[in-house]
C-alpha atoms as a PDB file:
ATOM      1  CA  UNK A   1     111.387  91.426  82.657  1.00  0.00           C
ATOM      2  CA  UNK A   2     109.121  94.289  81.474  1.00  0.00           C
ATOM      3  CA  UNK A   3     106.741  93.912  84.538  1.00  0.00           C
ATOM      4  CA  UNK A   4     109.658  94.860  86.912  1.00  0.00           C
ATOM      5  CA  UNK A   5     110.501  97.958  84.723  1.00  0.00           C
ATOM      6  CA  UNK A   6     106.772  99.058  84.711  1.00  0.00           C
ATOM      7  CA  UNK A   7     106.725  98.660  88.465  1.00  0.00           C
ATOM      8  CA  UNK A   8     109.746 100.792  88.877  1.00  0.00           C
ATOM      9  CA  UNK A   9     108.428 103.493  86.711  1.00  0.00           C
ATOM     10  CA  UNK A  10     105.341 103.730  88.786  1.00  0.00           C
ATOM     11  CA  UNK A  11     107.339 103.722  92.037  1.00  0.00           C
ATOM     12  CA  UNK A  12     109.601 106.450  90.571  1.00  0.00           C
ATOM     13  CA  UNK A  13     106.486 108.496  89.736  1.00  0.00           C
ATOM     14  CA  UNK A  14     105.199 108.005  93.301  1.00  0.00           C
ATOM     15  CA  UNK A  15     108.606 109.414  94.581  1.00  0.00           C
ATOM     16  CA  UNK A  16     108.449 112.379  92.182  1.00  0.00           C
ATOM     17  CA  UNK A  17     104.940 113.294  93.016  1.00  0.00           C
ATOM     18  CA  UNK A  18     104.339 112.520  96.679  1.00  0.00           C
ATOM     19  CA  UNK A  19     106.409 114.097  99.507  1.00  0.00           C
ATOM     20  CA  UNK A  20     107.349 112.929 103.042  1.00  0.00           C
ATOM     21  CA  UNK A  21     107.800 109.466 104.125  1.00  0.00           C
ATOM     22  CA  UNK A  22     104.882 107.947 102.297  1.00  0.00           C
ATOM     23  CA  UNK A  23     106.757 106.790  99.241  1.00  0.00           C
ATOM     24  CA  UNK A  24     108.944 104.567 101.464  1.00  0.00           C
ATOM     25  CA  UNK A  25     105.855 102.669 102.795  1.00  0.00           C
ATOM     26  CA  UNK A  26     104.521 102.047  99.252  1.00  0.00           C
ATOM     27  CA  UNK A  27     105.031  99.331  96.735  1.00  0.00           C
ATOM     28  CA  UNK A  28     103.588  98.386  93.428  1.00  0.00           C
ATOM     29  CA  UNK A  29     102.101  95.183  92.110  1.00  0.00           C
ATOM     30  CA  UNK A  30     101.551  94.730  88.474  1.00  0.00           C
ATOM     31  CA  UNK A  31      98.435  92.754  88.384  1.00  0.00           C
ATOM     32  CA  UNK A  32      97.842  92.278  84.654  1.00  0.00           C
ATOM     33  CA  UNK A  33      99.548  93.161  81.291  1.00  0.00           C
ATOM     34  CA  UNK A  34      97.816  92.783  78.027  1.00  0.00           C
ATOM     35  CA  UNK A  35     100.093  93.248  75.112  1.00  0.00           C
ATOM     36  CA  UNK A  36      98.465  94.481  71.766  1.00  0.00           C
ATOM     37  CA  UNK A  37     100.121  95.622  68.446  1.00  0.00           C
ATOM     38  CA  UNK A  38      99.548  99.290  69.139  1.00  0.00           C
ATOM     39  CA  UNK A  39      98.317  99.334  72.893  1.00  0.00           C
ATOM     40  CA  UNK A  40      99.577  97.913  76.099  1.00  0.00           C
ATOM     41  CA  UNK A  41      97.017  97.562  78.888  1.00  0.00           C
ATOM     42  CA  UNK A  42      98.549  97.558  82.409  1.00  0.00           C
ATOM     43  CA  UNK A  43      96.677  97.102  85.675  1.00  0.00           C
ATOM     44  CA  UNK A  44      98.690  98.001  88.787  1.00  0.00           C
ATOM     45  CA  UNK A  45      98.033  98.268  92.518  1.00  0.00           C
ATOM     46  CA  UNK A  46      99.797 100.603  94.718  1.00  0.00           C
ATOM     47  CA  UNK A  47     100.132  99.144  98.207  1.00  0.00           C
ATOM     48  CA  UNK A  48     100.249 101.370 101.272  1.00  0.00           C
ATOM     49  CA  UNK A  49     100.229 100.748 105.102  1.00  0.00           C
ATOM     50  CA  UNK A  50      97.584 103.203 106.255  1.00  0.00           C
ATOM     51  CA  UNK A  51      94.255 104.536 105.091  1.00  0.00           C
ATOM     52  CA  UNK A  52      95.651 108.054 105.364  1.00  0.00           C
ATOM     53  CA  UNK A  53      98.392 107.192 103.057  1.00  0.00           C
ATOM     54  CA  UNK A  54      95.791 105.971 100.543  1.00  0.00           C
ATOM     55  CA  UNK A  55      94.192 109.379 100.523  1.00  0.00           C
ATOM     56  CA  UNK A  56      97.437 110.953  99.978  1.00  0.00           C
ATOM     57  CA  UNK A  57      98.317 108.742  96.929  1.00  0.00           C
ATOM     58  CA  UNK A  58      94.868 109.409  95.486  1.00  0.00           C
ATOM     59  CA  UNK A  59      95.008 113.082  96.290  1.00  0.00           C
ATOM     60  CA  UNK A  60      92.181 115.712  96.196  1.00  0.00           C
ATOM     61  CA  UNK A  61      89.868 114.813  93.352  1.00  0.00           C
ATOM     62  CA  UNK A  62      92.276 112.141  92.292  1.00  0.00           C
ATOM     63  CA  UNK A  63      94.837 114.621  91.298  1.00  0.00           C
ATOM     64  CA  UNK A  64      97.893 112.992  92.786  1.00  0.00           C
ATOM     65  CA  UNK A  65      97.112 109.604  91.339  1.00  0.00           C
ATOM     66  CA  UNK A  66      96.356 111.133  87.872  1.00  0.00           C
ATOM     67  CA  UNK A  67     100.003 112.687  88.120  1.00  0.00           C
ATOM     68  CA  UNK A  68     101.530 109.446  89.019  1.00  0.00           C
ATOM     69  CA  UNK A  69      99.690 107.684  86.172  1.00  0.00           C
ATOM     70  CA  UNK A  70     100.557 110.146  83.648  1.00  0.00           C
ATOM     71  CA  UNK A  71     104.276 110.307  84.483  1.00  0.00           C
ATOM     72  CA  UNK A  72     104.751 106.537  84.642  1.00  0.00           C
ATOM     73  CA  UNK A  73     102.501 106.094  81.483  1.00  0.00           C
ATOM     74  CA  UNK A  74     104.878 108.438  79.453  1.00  0.00           C
ATOM     75  CA  UNK A  75     107.977 106.595  80.567  1.00  0.00           C
ATOM     76  CA  UNK A  76     106.529 103.290  79.632  1.00  0.00           C
ATOM     77  CA  UNK A  77     105.294 104.511  76.305  1.00  0.00           C
ATOM     78  CA  UNK A  78     108.761 105.875  75.575  1.00  0.00           C
ATOM     79  CA  UNK A  79     110.336 102.587  76.522  1.00  0.00           C
ATOM     80  CA  UNK A  80     108.139 100.300  74.423  1.00  0.00           C
ATOM     81  CA  UNK A  81     107.225 102.587  71.573  1.00  0.00           C
ATOM     82  CA  UNK A  82     103.376 102.217  71.806  1.00  0.00           C
ATOM     83  CA  UNK A  83     100.482 103.619  73.513  1.00  0.00           C
ATOM     84  CA  UNK A  84      99.739 102.403  77.137  1.00  0.00           C
ATOM     85  CA  UNK A  85      96.415 102.312  79.018  1.00  0.00           C
ATOM     86  CA  UNK A  86      97.451 102.343  82.765  1.00  0.00           C
ATOM     87  CA  UNK A  87      94.809 101.491  85.377  1.00  0.00           C
ATOM     88  CA  UNK A  88      95.993 102.258  88.747  1.00  0.00           C
ATOM     89  CA  UNK A  89      94.421 101.158  92.121  1.00  0.00           C
ATOM     90  CA  UNK A  90      95.465 101.875  95.655  1.00  0.00           C
ATOM     91  CA  UNK A  91      95.151  99.162  98.387  1.00  0.00           C
ATOM     92  CA  UNK A  92      95.720  99.373 102.117  1.00  0.00           C
ATOM     93  CA  UNK A  93      97.677  96.416 103.563  1.00  0.00           C
ATOM     94  CA  UNK A  94      98.473  97.179 107.197  1.00  0.00           C
ATOM     95  CA  UNK A  95     101.856  96.175 108.365  1.00  0.00           C
ATOM     96  CA  UNK A  96     103.023  94.756 105.129  1.00  0.00           C
ATOM     97  CA  UNK A  97     106.573  96.227 105.491  1.00  0.00           C
ATOM     98  CA  UNK A  98     107.047  94.411 108.621  1.00  0.00           C
ATOM     99  CA  UNK A  99     105.438  90.973 107.637  1.00  0.00           C
ATOM    100  CA  UNK A 100     107.663  88.515 106.002  1.00  0.00           C
ATOM    101  CA  UNK A 101     104.659  86.693 104.210  1.00  0.00           C
ATOM    102  CA  UNK A 102     103.416  89.930 102.942  1.00  0.00           C
ATOM    103  CA  UNK A 103     106.720  90.898 101.516  1.00  0.00           C
ATOM    104  CA  UNK A 104     107.086  87.491  99.780  1.00  0.00           C
ATOM    105  CA  UNK A 105     103.556  87.802  98.360  1.00  0.00           C
ATOM    106  CA  UNK A 106     104.765  91.056  96.780  1.00  0.00           C
ATOM    107  CA  UNK A 107     107.814  89.542  95.382  1.00  0.00           C
ATOM    108  CA  UNK A 108     110.542  90.051  97.795  1.00  0.00           C
ATOM    109  CA  UNK A 109     112.774  87.004  98.250  1.00  0.00           C
ATOM    110  CA  UNK A 110     114.424  85.898 101.515  1.00  0.00           C
END
């Protein structure tokens, strides 16, 4: 499914652009995909555990999230062969990595 591929491209961009342990405590939810003939609109939420991680993902003046968005957008465009409008948000969900219900809500199956 394309949504899963989009999610992995965004996660890969997080790993490529953010150092330390933070990428291991992040996940991505693809909230909405609108397919058009020449443009794909994708809305995604990056989930982190702590408020400080949100600041790191966004970066000074939004620089980090811009790099994440650009890198993942280019990969998606190369895959689907059309322009992509990628709208990224960052959300703090404390303890999501240790909460079975939160993991299931994100899409992990047990």
